[in-house]
Every structure is written in C-alpha cells, then in structure tokens.
PDB file of N, CA and C in Angstrom:
ATOM      1  N   UNK A   1       0.827  -1.199   0.030  1.00  0.00           N
ATOM      2  CA  UNK A   1      -0.042  -0.121   0.016  1.00  0.00           C
ATOM      3  C   UNK A   1       1.032   1.229  -0.093  1.00  0.00           C
ATOM      4  N   UNK A   2       0.529   2.228  -0.784  1.00  0.00           N
ATOM      5  CA  UNK A   2       1.217   3.538  -0.823  1.00  0.00           C
ATOM      6  C   UNK A   2       1.045   4.265   0.402  1.00  0.00           C
ATOM      7  N   UNK A   3       2.142   4.830   0.815  1.00  0.00           N
ATOM      8  CA  UNK A   3       2.112   5.882   1.991  1.00  0.00           C
ATOM      9  C   UNK A   3       1.821   7.143   1.374  1.00  0.00           C
ATOM     10  N   UNK A   4       0.743   7.677   1.566  1.00  0.00           N
ATOM     11  CA  UNK A   4       0.248   8.973   0.923  1.00  0.00           C
ATOM     12  C   UNK A   4       1.148  10.147   1.566  1.00  0.00           C
ATOM     13  N   UNK A   5       1.378  10.096   2.792  1.00  0.00           N
ATOM     14  CA  UNK A   5       2.229  11.190   3.353  1.00  0.00           C
ATOM     15  C   UNK A   5       3.515  11.252   2.799  1.00  0.00           C
ATOM     16  N   UNK A   6       4.085  10.071   2.501  1.00  0.00           N
ATOM     17  CA  UNK A   6       5.418   9.975   1.911  1.00  0.00           C
ATOM     18  C   UNK A   6       5.486  10.516   0.537  1.00  0.00           C
ATOM     19  N   UNK A   7       4.434  10.053  -0.275  1.00  0.00           N
ATOM     20  CA  UNK A   7       4.431  10.657  -1.711  1.00  0.00           C
ATOM     21  C   UNK A   7       4.214  12.064  -1.690  1.00  0.00           C
ATOM     22  N   UNK A   8       3.366  12.450  -0.838  1.00  0.00           N
ATOM     23  CA  UNK A   8       3.040  14.032  -0.742  1.00  0.00           C
ATOM     24  C   UNK A   8       4.301  14.765  -0.387  1.00  0.00           C
ATOM     25  N   UNK A   9       5.136  14.212   0.570  1.00  0.00           N
ATOM     26  CA  UNK A   9       6.377  14.981   0.960  1.00  0.00           C
ATOM     27  C   UNK A   9       7.313  15.066  -0.209  1.00  0.00           C
ATOM     28  N   UNK A  10       7.452  14.005  -0.955  1.00  0.00           N
ATOM     29  CA  UNK A  10       8.342  13.927  -2.005  1.00  0.00           C
ATOM     30  C   UNK A  10       7.910  14.694  -3.229  1.00  0.00           C
ATOM     31  N   UNK A  11       6.684  15.019  -3.403  1.00  0.00           N
ATOM     32  CA  UNK A  11       6.147  15.537  -4.525  1.00  0.00           C
ATOM     33  C   UNK A  11       6.307  17.117  -4.721  1.00  0.00           C
ATOM     34  N   UNK A  12       7.297  17.690  -4.074  1.00  0.00           N
ATOM     35  CA  UNK A  12       7.547  19.144  -4.051  1.00  0.00           C
ATOM     36  C   UNK A  12       9.037  19.359  -4.111  1.00  0.00           C
ATOM     37  N   UNK A  13       9.436  20.105  -5.058  1.00  0.00           N
ATOM     38  CA  UNK A  13      10.848  20.422  -5.297  1.00  0.00           C
ATOM     39  C   UNK A  13      11.539  21.120  -4.006  1.00  0.00           C
ATOM     40  N   UNK A  14      10.802  22.017  -3.425  1.00  0.00           N
ATOM     41  CA  UNK A  14      11.396  22.647  -2.143  1.00  0.00           C
ATOM     42  C   UNK A  14      11.686  21.574  -1.033  1.00  0.00           C
ATOM     43  N   UNK A  15      10.768  20.644  -0.911  1.00  0.00           N
ATOM     44  CA  UNK A  15      11.005  19.667   0.203  1.00  0.00           C
ATOM     45  C   UNK A  15      12.087  18.711  -0.193  1.00  0.00           C
ATOM     46  N   UNK A  16      12.257  18.465  -1.504  1.00  0.00           N
ATOM     47  CA  UNK A  16      13.256  17.615  -1.768  1.00  0.00           C
ATOM     48  C   UNK A  16      14.763  18.411  -1.596  1.00  0.00           C
ATOM     49  N   UNK A  17      14.673  19.611  -1.987  1.00  0.00           N
ATOM     50  CA  UNK A  17      15.941  20.472  -1.737  1.00  0.00           C
ATOM     51  C   UNK A  17      16.246  20.412  -0.187  1.00  0.00           C
ATOM     52  N   UNK A  18      15.218  20.440   0.739  1.00  0.00           N
ATOM     53  CA  UNK A  18      15.542  20.490   2.023  1.00  0.00           C
ATOM     54  C   UNK A  18      16.107  19.164   2.528  1.00  0.00           C
ATOM     55  N   UNK A  19      15.576  18.094   2.054  1.00  0.00           N
ATOM     56  CA  UNK A  19      16.245  16.735   2.231  1.00  0.00           C
ATOM     57  C   UNK A  19      17.568  16.733   1.828  1.00  0.00           C
ATOM     58  N   UNK A  20      17.912  17.300   0.668  1.00  0.00           N
ATOM     59  CA  UNK A  20      19.242  17.238   0.060  1.00  0.00           C
ATOM     60  C   UNK A  20      20.203  18.013   0.916  1.00  0.00           C
ATOM     61  N   UNK A  21      19.779  19.285   1.351  1.00  0.00           N
ATOM     62  CA  UNK A  21      20.653  19.964   2.263  1.00  0.00           C
ATOM     63  C   UNK A  21      20.773  19.457   3.482  1.00  0.00           C
ATOM     64  N   UNK A  22      19.945  18.814   4.173  1.00  0.00           N
ATOM     65  CA  UNK A  22      19.912  18.193   5.483  1.00  0.00           C
ATOM     66  C   UNK A  22      20.854  16.915   5.443  1.00  0.00           C
ATOM     67  N   UNK A  23      21.155  16.439   4.289  1.00  0.00           N
ATOM     68  CA  UNK A  23      22.017  15.321   4.086  1.00  0.00           C
ATOM     69  C   UNK A  23      23.373  15.766   4.456  1.00  0.00           C
ATOM     70  N   UNK A  24      23.808  16.946   4.147  1.00  0.00           N
ATOM     71  CA  UNK A  24      25.188  17.382   4.425  1.00  0.00           C
ATOM     72  C   UNK A  24      24.972  18.935   4.973  1.00  0.00           C
ATOM     73  N   UNK A  25      24.664  18.952   6.148  1.00  0.00           N
ATOM     74  CA  UNK A  25      24.227  20.344   6.683  1.00  0.00           C
ATOM     75  C   UNK A  25      25.518  21.297   6.847  1.00  0.00           C
ATOM     76  N   UNK A  26      26.589  20.799   7.132  1.00  0.00           N
ATOM     77  CA  UNK A  26      27.765  21.588   7.227  1.00  0.00           C
ATOM     78  C   UNK A  26      28.127  22.338   5.855  1.00  0.00           C
ATOM     79  N   UNK A  27      27.867  21.655   4.773  1.00  0.00           N
ATOM     80  CA  UNK A  27      28.262  22.210   3.527  1.00  0.00           C
ATOM     81  C   UNK A  27      27.162  23.161   3.031  1.00  0.00           C
ATOM     82  N   UNK A  28      26.054  23.102   3.529  1.00  0.00           N
ATOM     83  CA  UNK A  28      24.855  23.851   2.944  1.00  0.00           C
ATOM     84  C   UNK A  28      24.486  25.111   3.974  1.00  0.00           C
ATOM     85  N   UNK A  29      24.838  24.919   5.105  1.00  0.00           N
ATOM     86  CA  UNK A  29      24.476  25.953   6.088  1.00  0.00           C
ATOM     87  C   UNK A  29      25.587  26.579   7.033  1.00  0.00           C
ATOM     88  N   UNK A  30      25.491  27.780   7.427  1.00  0.00           N
ATOM     89  CA  UNK A  30      26.487  28.468   8.250  1.00  0.00           C
ATOM     90  C   UNK A  30      26.361  27.887   9.712  1.00  0.00           C
ATOM     91  N   UNK A  31      27.479  28.088  10.298  1.00  0.00           N
ATOM     92  CA  UNK A  31      27.441  27.721  11.821  1.00  0.00           C
ATOM     93  C   UNK A  31      26.357  28.363  12.515  1.00  0.00           C
ATOM     94  N   UNK A  32      25.912  27.635  13.621  1.00  0.00           N
ATOM     95  CA  UNK A  32      24.696  28.245  14.405  1.00  0.00           C
ATOM     96  C   UNK A  32      25.297  28.556  15.774  1.00  0.00           C
ATOM     97  N   UNK A  33      24.619  29.509  16.354  1.00  0.00           N
ATOM     98  CA  UNK A  33      25.076  29.778  17.792  1.00  0.00           C
ATOM     99  C   UNK A  33      24.585  28.747  18.672  1.00  0.00           C
ATOM    100  N   UNK A  34      23.394  28.327  18.544  1.00  0.00           N
ATOM    101  CA  UNK A  34      22.827  27.205  19.420  1.00  0.00           C
ATOM    102  C   UNK A  34      22.625  26.026  18.492  1.00  0.00           C
ATOM    103  N   UNK A  35      22.999  24.912  18.943  1.00  0.00           N
ATOM    104  CA  UNK A  35      22.786  23.540  18.261  1.00  0.00           C
ATOM    105  C   UNK A  35      23.876  23.246  17.261  1.00  0.00           C
ATOM    106  N   UNK A  36      24.329  22.128  17.196  1.00  0.00           N
ATOM    107  CA  UNK A  36      25.295  21.657  16.249  1.00  0.00           C
ATOM    108  C   UNK A  36      24.531  21.194  15.048  1.00  0.00           C
ATOM    109  N   UNK A  37      25.065  21.689  13.936  1.00  0.00           N
ATOM    110  CA  UNK A  37      24.548  21.291  12.580  1.00  0.00           C
ATOM    111  C   UNK A  37      24.191  19.825  12.489  1.00  0.00           C
ATOM    112  N   UNK A  38      25.253  19.019  12.770  1.00  0.00           N
ATOM    113  CA  UNK A  38      25.262  17.592  12.519  1.00  0.00           C
ATOM    114  C   UNK A  38      24.396  16.913  13.597  1.00  0.00           C
ATOM    115  N   UNK A  39      24.752  17.084  14.913  1.00  0.00           N
ATOM    116  CA  UNK A  39      24.141  16.526  16.069  1.00  0.00           C
ATOM    117  C   UNK A  39      22.796  16.850  16.448  1.00  0.00           C
ATOM    118  N   UNK A  40      22.504  18.160  16.314  1.00  0.00           N
ATOM    119  CA  UNK A  40      21.095  18.613  16.594  1.00  0.00           C
ATOM    120  C   UNK A  40      20.266  19.015  15.384  1.00  0.00           C
ATOM    121  N   UNK A  41      20.809  19.198  14.279  1.00  0.00           N
ATOM    122  CA  UNK A  41      20.098  19.506  13.082  1.00  0.00           C
ATOM    123  C   UNK A  41      20.263  21.036  12.738  1.00  0.00           C
ATOM    124  N   UNK A  42      19.458  21.454  11.801  1.00  0.00           N
ATOM    125  CA  UNK A  42      19.537  22.884  11.259  1.00  0.00           C
ATOM    126  C   UNK A  42      18.386  23.632  11.658  1.00  0.00           C
ATOM    127  N   UNK A  43      18.675  24.806  12.213  1.00  0.00           N
ATOM    128  CA  UNK A  43      17.517  25.713  12.580  1.00  0.00           C
ATOM    129  C   UNK A  43      16.598  26.009  11.475  1.00  0.00           C
ATOM    130  N   UNK A  44      15.260  26.092  11.761  1.00  0.00           N
ATOM    131  CA  UNK A  44      14.355  26.380  10.804  1.00  0.00           C
ATOM    132  C   UNK A  44      14.495  27.682  10.130  1.00  0.00           C
ATOM    133  N   UNK A  45      15.008  28.645  10.836  1.00  0.00           N
ATOM    134  CA  UNK A  45      15.291  30.015  10.227  1.00  0.00           C
ATOM    135  C   UNK A  45      16.199  29.951   9.086  1.00  0.00           C
ATOM    136  N   UNK A  46      17.283  29.075   9.236  1.00  0.00           N
ATOM    137  CA  UNK A  46      18.376  29.025   8.227  1.00  0.00           C
ATOM    138  C   UNK A  46      17.723  28.375   7.086  1.00  0.00           C
ATOM    139  N   UNK A  47      16.907  27.268   7.180  1.00  0.00           N
ATOM    140  CA  UNK A  47      16.281  26.588   6.121  1.00  0.00           C
ATOM    141  C   UNK A  47      15.214  27.497   5.441  1.00  0.00           C
ATOM    142  N   UNK A  48      14.559  28.301   6.138  1.00  0.00           N
ATOM    143  CA  UNK A  48      13.524  29.265   5.418  1.00  0.00           C
ATOM    144  C   UNK A  48      14.422  30.295   4.542  1.00  0.00           C
ATOM    145  N   UNK A  49      15.501  30.766   5.108  1.00  0.00           N
ATOM    146  CA  UNK A  49      16.375  31.774   4.475  1.00  0.00           C
ATOM    147  C   UNK A  49      16.950  31.171   3.170  1.00  0.00           C
ATOM    148  N   UNK A  50      17.410  29.911   3.259  1.00  0.00           N
ATOM    149  CA  UNK A  50      18.102  29.365   2.106  1.00  0.00           C
ATOM    150  C   UNK A  50      17.044  29.030   1.011  1.00  0.00           C
ATOM    151  N   UNK A  51      15.803  28.678   1.393  1.00  0.00           N
ATOM    152  CA  UNK A  51      14.733  28.379   0.385  1.00  0.00           C
ATOM    153  C   UNK A  51      14.210  29.642  -0.194  1.00  0.00           C
ATOM    154  N   UNK A  52      14.381  30.807   0.480  1.00  0.00           N
ATOM    155  CA  UNK A  52      13.861  32.046   0.007  1.00  0.00           C
ATOM    156  C   UNK A  52      12.387  32.213   0.270  1.00  0.00           C
ATOM    157  N   UNK A  53      12.018  31.652   1.346  1.00  0.00           N
ATOM    158  CA  UNK A  53      10.420  31.696   1.631  1.00  0.00           C
ATOM    159  C   UNK A  53      10.287  32.203   3.081  1.00  0.00           C
ATOM    160  N   UNK A  54       9.008  32.621   3.358  1.00  0.00           N
ATOM    161  CA  UNK A  54       8.729  33.035   4.757  1.00  0.00           C
ATOM    162  C   UNK A  54       8.895  31.811   5.746  1.00  0.00           C
ATOM    163  N   UNK A  55       8.945  32.199   6.964  1.00  0.00           N
ATOM    164  CA  UNK A  55       9.011  31.199   8.056  1.00  0.00           C
ATOM    165  C   UNK A  55       7.869  30.376   8.091  1.00  0.00           C
ATOM    166  N   UNK A  56       6.590  30.905   7.898  1.00  0.00           N
ATOM    167  CA  UNK A  56       5.399  30.020   7.906  1.00  0.00           C
ATOM    168  C   UNK A  56       5.445  29.108   6.762  1.00  0.00           C
ATOM    169  N   UNK A  57       5.773  29.552   5.586  1.00  0.00           N
ATOM    170  CA  UNK A  57       5.766  28.667   4.415  1.00  0.00           C
ATOM    171  C   UNK A  57       6.846  27.528   4.531  1.00  0.00           C
ATOM    172  N   UNK A  58       8.103  27.841   5.185  1.00  0.00           N
ATOM    173  CA  UNK A  58       8.953  26.905   5.424  1.00  0.00           C
ATOM    174  C   UNK A  58       8.492  25.860   6.434  1.00  0.00           C
ATOM    175  N   UNK A  59       7.751  26.338   7.523  1.00  0.00           N
ATOM    176  CA  UNK A  59       7.153  25.585   8.529  1.00  0.00           C
ATOM    177  C   UNK A  59       6.181  24.489   7.950  1.00  0.00           C
ATOM    178  N   UNK A  60       5.546  24.913   6.878  1.00  0.00           N
ATOM    179  CA  UNK A  60       4.482  23.997   6.305  1.00  0.00           C
ATOM    180  C   UNK A  60       5.304  22.973   5.461  1.00  0.00           C
ATOM    181  N   UNK A  61       6.383  23.221   4.970  1.00  0.00           N
ATOM    182  CA  UNK A  61       7.139  22.222   4.154  1.00  0.00           C
ATOM    183  C   UNK A  61       7.788  21.222   5.196  1.00  0.00           C
ATOM    184  N   UNK A  62       8.286  21.863   6.423  1.00  0.00           N
ATOM    185  CA  UNK A  62       8.908  20.908   7.418  1.00  0.00           C
ATOM    186  C   UNK A  62       7.841  20.146   8.091  1.00  0.00           C
ATOM    187  N   UNK A  63       6.616  20.592   8.207  1.00  0.00           N
ATOM    188  CA  UNK A  63       5.574  19.852   8.850  1.00  0.00           C
ATOM    189  C   UNK A  63       5.162  18.524   7.849  1.00  0.00           C
ATOM    190  N   UNK A  64       5.163  18.843   6.575  1.00  0.00           N
ATOM    191  CA  UNK A  64       4.850  17.683   5.650  1.00  0.00           C
ATOM    192  C   UNK A  64       5.918  16.658   5.735  1.00  0.00           C
ATOM    193  N   UNK A  65       7.235  17.092   5.785  1.00  0.00           N
ATOM    194  CA  UNK A  65       8.298  16.087   5.873  1.00  0.00           C
ATOM    195  C   UNK A  65       8.296  15.471   7.163  1.00  0.00           C
ATOM    196  N   UNK A  66       7.940  16.228   8.233  1.00  0.00           N
ATOM    197  CA  UNK A  66       7.848  15.452   9.551  1.00  0.00           C
ATOM    198  C   UNK A  66       6.694  14.372   9.639  1.00  0.00           C
ATOM    199  N   UNK A  67       5.560  14.803   9.061  1.00  0.00           N
ATOM    200  CA  UNK A  67       4.468  13.868   9.078  1.00  0.00           C
ATOM    201  C   UNK A  67       4.889  12.509   8.351  1.00  0.00           C
ATOM    202  N   UNK A  68       5.579  12.722   7.356  1.00  0.00           N
ATOM    203  CA  UNK A  68       6.010  11.611   6.571  1.00  0.00           C
ATOM    204  C   UNK A  68       7.164  10.820   7.202  1.00  0.00           C
ATOM    205  N   UNK A  69       7.617  11.303   8.266  1.00  0.00           N
ATOM    206  CA  UNK A  69       8.807  10.677   9.039  1.00  0.00           C
ATOM    207  C   UNK A  69      10.151  10.841   8.343  1.00  0.00           C
ATOM    208  N   UNK A  70      10.336  11.687   7.503  1.00  0.00           N
ATOM    209  CA  UNK A  70      11.564  11.921   6.740  1.00  0.00           C
ATOM    210  C   UNK A  70      12.604  12.704   7.558  1.00  0.00           C
ATOM    211  N   UNK A  71      12.084  13.501   8.493  1.00  0.00           N
ATOM    212  CA  UNK A  71      12.892  14.454   9.289  1.00  0.00           C
ATOM    213  C   UNK A  71      12.425  14.407  10.781  1.00  0.00           C
ATOM    214  N   UNK A  72      13.415  14.756  11.696  1.00  0.00           N
ATOM    215  CA  UNK A  72      12.987  14.825  13.055  1.00  0.00           C
ATOM    216  C   UNK A  72      13.190  16.235  13.553  1.00  0.00           C
ATOM    217  N   UNK A  73      12.587  16.698  14.597  1.00  0.00           N
ATOM    218  CA  UNK A  73      12.776  18.128  15.065  1.00  0.00           C
ATOM    219  C   UNK A  73      13.327  17.987  16.483  1.00  0.00           C
ATOM    220  N   UNK A  74      14.008  18.962  16.978  1.00  0.00           N
ATOM    221  CA  UNK A  74      14.644  18.982  18.331  1.00  0.00           C
ATOM    222  C   UNK A  74      14.413  20.634  18.570  1.00  0.00           C
ATOM    223  N   UNK A  75      13.905  20.789  19.849  1.00  0.00           N
ATOM    224  CA  UNK A  75      13.858  22.153  20.248  1.00  0.00           C
ATOM    225  C   UNK A  75      14.980  22.455  21.254  1.00  0.00           C
ATOM    226  N   UNK A  76      15.743  23.483  20.984  1.00  0.00           N
ATOM    227  CA  UNK A  76      16.742  24.073  21.834  1.00  0.00           C
ATOM    228  C   UNK A  76      16.389  25.520  22.086  1.00  0.00           C
ATOM    229  N   UNK A  77      16.252  25.870  23.282  1.00  0.00           N
ATOM    230  CA  UNK A  77      15.750  27.216  23.695  1.00  0.00           C
ATOM    231  C   UNK A  77      14.456  27.491  23.048  1.00  0.00           C
ATOM    232  N   UNK A  78      14.450  28.627  22.258  1.00  0.00           N
ATOM    233  CA  UNK A  78      13.259  28.929  21.582  1.00  0.00           C
ATOM    234  C   UNK A  78      13.247  28.414  20.108  1.00  0.00           C
ATOM    235  N   UNK A  79      14.311  27.789  19.653  1.00  0.00           N
ATOM    236  CA  UNK A  79      14.453  27.426  18.179  1.00  0.00           C
ATOM    237  C   UNK A  79      14.206  25.977  17.992  1.00  0.00           C
ATOM    238  N   UNK A  80      13.866  25.611  16.750  1.00  0.00           N
ATOM    239  CA  UNK A  80      13.529  24.223  16.465  1.00  0.00           C
ATOM    240  C   UNK A  80      14.501  23.830  15.432  1.00  0.00           C
ATOM    241  N   UNK A  81      15.198  22.784  15.495  1.00  0.00           N
ATOM    242  CA  UNK A  81      16.228  22.257  14.668  1.00  0.00           C
ATOM    243  C   UNK A  81      15.715  20.985  13.993  1.00  0.00           C
ATOM    244  N   UNK A  82      16.103  20.794  12.677  1.00  0.00           N
ATOM    245  CA  UNK A  82      15.677  19.656  11.903  1.00  0.00           C
ATOM    246  C   UNK A  82      16.791  18.879  11.310  1.00  0.00           C
ATOM    247  N   UNK A  83      16.671  17.605  11.425  1.00  0.00           N
ATOM    248  CA  UNK A  83      17.614  16.631  10.687  1.00  0.00           C
ATOM    249  C   UNK A  83      16.910  15.493  10.013  1.00  0.00           C
ATOM    250  N   UNK A  84      17.612  14.905   9.157  1.00  0.00           N
ATOM    251  CA  UNK A  84      16.992  13.702   8.397  1.00  0.00           C
ATOM    252  C   UNK A  84      16.978  12.524   9.344  1.00  0.00           C
ATOM    253  N   UNK A  85      15.901  11.782   9.108  1.00  0.00           N
ATOM    254  CA  UNK A  85      15.729  10.439   9.770  1.00  0.00           C
ATOM    255  C   UNK A  85      16.207   9.426   8.763  1.00  0.00           C
ATOM    256  N   UNK A  86      17.551   9.104   8.839  1.00  0.00           N
ATOM    257  CA  UNK A  86      18.053   8.215   7.782  1.00  0.00           C
ATOM    258  C   UNK A  86      17.468   6.787   7.730  1.00  0.00           C
ATOM    259  N   UNK A  87      17.078   6.273   8.845  1.00  0.00           N
ATOM    260  CA  UNK A  87      16.422   4.950   8.880  1.00  0.00           C
ATOM    261  C   UNK A  87      15.115   4.989   8.066  1.00  0.00           C
ATOM    262  N   UNK A  88      14.347   6.037   8.350  1.00  0.00           N
ATOM    263  CA  UNK A  88      13.089   6.076   7.774  1.00  0.00           C
ATOM    264  C   UNK A  88      13.270   6.369   6.187  1.00  0.00           C
ATOM    265  N   UNK A  89      14.267   7.212   5.879  1.00  0.00           N
ATOM    266  CA  UNK A  89      14.491   7.317   4.398  1.00  0.00           C
ATOM    267  C   UNK A  89      14.916   6.238   3.689  1.00  0.00           C
ATOM    268  N   UNK A  90      15.752   5.272   4.382  1.00  0.00           N
ATOM    269  CA  UNK A  90      16.033   4.033   3.810  1.00  0.00           C
ATOM    270  C   UNK A  90      14.832   3.068   3.527  1.00  0.00           C
ATOM    271  N   UNK A  91      14.131   3.055   4.568  1.00  0.00           N
ATOM    272  CA  UNK A  91      12.792   2.268   4.437  1.00  0.00           C
ATOM    273  C   UNK A  91      11.941   2.866   3.268  1.00  0.00           C
ATOM    274  N   UNK A  92      11.803   4.123   3.290  1.00  0.00           N
ATOM    275  CA  UNK A  92      10.960   4.802   2.188  1.00  0.00           C
ATOM    276  C   UNK A  92      11.617   4.458   0.826  1.00  0.00           C
ATOM    277  N   UNK A  93      12.883   4.472   0.633  1.00  0.00           N
ATOM    278  CA  UNK A  93      13.434   4.209  -0.623  1.00  0.00           C
ATOM    279  C   UNK A  93      13.131   2.742  -1.012  1.00  0.00           C
ATOM    280  N   UNK A  94      13.269   1.755  -0.073  1.00  0.00           N
ATOM    281  CA  UNK A  94      12.868   0.386  -0.380  1.00  0.00           C
ATOM    282  C   UNK A  94      11.463   0.272  -0.749  1.00  0.00           C
ATOM    283  N   UNK A  95      10.533   0.998  -0.102  1.00  0.00           N
ATOM    284  CA  UNK A  95       9.140   0.817  -0.255  1.00  0.00           C
ATOM    285  C   UNK A  95       8.779   1.347  -1.644  1.00  0.00           C
ATOM    286  N   UNK A  96       9.474   2.499  -1.988  1.00  0.00           N
ATOM    287  CA  UNK A  96       9.121   3.108  -3.344  1.00  0.00           C
ATOM    288  C   UNK A  96       9.751   2.433  -4.460  1.00  0.00           C
ATOM    289  N   UNK A  97      10.862   1.707  -4.288  1.00  0.00           N
ATOM    290  CA  UNK A  97      11.431   0.860  -5.372  1.00  0.00           C
ATOM    291  C   UNK A  97      10.932  -0.533  -5.496  1.00  0.00           C
ATOM    292  N   UNK A  98      10.258  -0.912  -4.519  1.00  0.00           N
ATOM    293  CA  UNK A  98       9.734  -2.350  -4.674  1.00  0.00           C
ATOM    294  C   UNK A  98       8.631  -2.442  -5.692  1.00  0.00           C
ATOM    295  N   UNK A  99       8.503  -3.560  -6.233  1.00  0.00           N
ATOM    296  CA  UNK A  99       7.434  -3.924  -7.337  1.00  0.00           C
ATOM    297  C   UNK A  99       6.034  -3.975  -6.619  1.00  0.00           C
ATOM    298  N   UNK A 100       5.076  -3.422  -7.125  1.00  0.00           N
ATOM    299  CA  UNK A 100       3.786  -3.501  -6.526  1.00  0.00           C
ATOM    300  C   UNK A 100       3.128  -4.601  -7.029  1.00  0.00           C
TER     301      UNK A 100
END
C-alpha cells in the first residue's frame, strides 16, 4: 500500500531540496550559535532563508516532511532544529522501489 504522506512529502521540489541540504548540513548551512548542525540539526530559520520563503511557508514544508517521518525536530531554547531520519529514508526508498 502506498504511503500517501510519503508521496506528498516527495512531490515538491522545495521539500526535496530541504532533504538534500540536510544530508550534508555543514556544506549547506552556516555555523549556528545554538545547536550543532550535525548532532542537533539545522535551525528552521536557516532553512527558510536558504529556500527564500517566509518562516510560515517553510514551517509547512517541514511539517509535511515530519508527518512523512523523513525528518526529526529538536527544540533548543526557543529554536527548532531539523535533521533527516536516515532509517526512515532508507525504508522509504525500499518501499518506493519495490514492485507493486
């Protein structure tokens, strides 16, 4: 059975960019004052800025990716940081590449 949340998450170029950037956050984002890029994830403000969208628009993209289980969030102080869920992404790739 097709996971609708997964397909929805992957059906948008901006969400695919977010996943790509989060795969190598040190390469794609500047150092952060709070939170380590690799261990804690990337602050949503940096993601919104790089995407060139407002914070609410970015939040919607991050919400869709989170609902699909492709990213995890972590709150540090008043900021929310995001990183890929590599285990879920591996499972999703297997699911999408399997014969129906």
